[in-house]
Amino acid sequence: MSEELVKYAAANGIATVTLNRPEKYNTLRLELIDQLDAALREANRDPEVRVIVLEGAGDSFCGGFDFSGGLEHYGGLQETGYDPGMDVHMVTNQYTSYMSTFMGLWRGLKPTIAKVHGYCVGGGSEMALCADIVIASDDARFGTPYSRVWGCHLSGMWVYRLGLAKAKYYALTGEWISGKEAAAIELINFSYPLEQLDDEVDKLATKLAGIPLTQLISMKLIVNQTYDNMGLQSTQTLGPILDGIMRNTPEGREFVRVAATEGVKGAVVKRDGPFGDYSQGPKDQQPRKRSELD
């Protein structure tokens, strides 16, 4: 039996899907993405489920894609033997791309809520922002450190959720932002103190579960269609292709080499140290740990 990288539970009309690599900040590997896809499929096919809540086990929601070990777990994405044509195939084919799973939060017409605490960065933020509603702890940290090296916007949700000024600023700087700030600029819906996060998400999920499913899916569909008409699909085709190119620039390959020889921490120090954020930020600006709550 494969490792349970995603946990699934359903009760009272609410399906809870939990990313379950807490010791690795729930970073994304192909196996986890496949299990997430299966969980979303199960929730959307269950006639008793009306609302889906996505959360992360441990002290963070998701630290992005796992780039440890020289990317040996990503096969063809490694520098040796890298084939750009096959990379385009993998990231744009709905049967091989992580994007179809991320967008399962969006395309599945049952409402989805991302419950975010700790770090929600890189690919983790791309995934969370595909949910219909995002609720975070005040001290959660959102960001796209790949803006500096080794990546590009994938889902486009950082752009579609923000106005031009903010979208351009965070795209160019990659700076982090707290859950409270994210709610204030409407990147996400709400933020609450960490101690209240579970209760507030439960309240909203319960409220939505009390609405007829046909109403929920109809209202979600009409909003989704508006954004599709704004070019969402084409953005999500271009983004992963550019991401593949950025992973294979001289700087991108050097980033992976440092991660392979000095560990992920060494690569992150080199990337974020000059900016003084993410793991290199001041201790008093780091997210609180859920495991340390009284």
Foldseek 3Di string as FASTA:
>chain_A
DDDCQWDWDDDLQEIEIEGRPQVQLSADAPVSLVVLLVRLVVQLPDPSHQEYEYAYPWFWGYPYHDLAQLPPRVPLLHPVNNDLVVLLVQCQPCVRHSVVSLLSLQPSLRAYEYETFFEQEANSVLSRLSGPAYEYAQLHKYWYLCLQAQFARAQCLLPVQADPVRSVVRSNPRAIDGRNVCCVRRSGPYHHHPVCRVVVVVVVSNVSSVDDSVVSSVVSVVVSVVVVVVPSSVCNSVRSSVSSVRCPDPRNNVLSVCCNPVNNVRSCCVSCVVVQDDVNHDPVSGTDTPVPDD
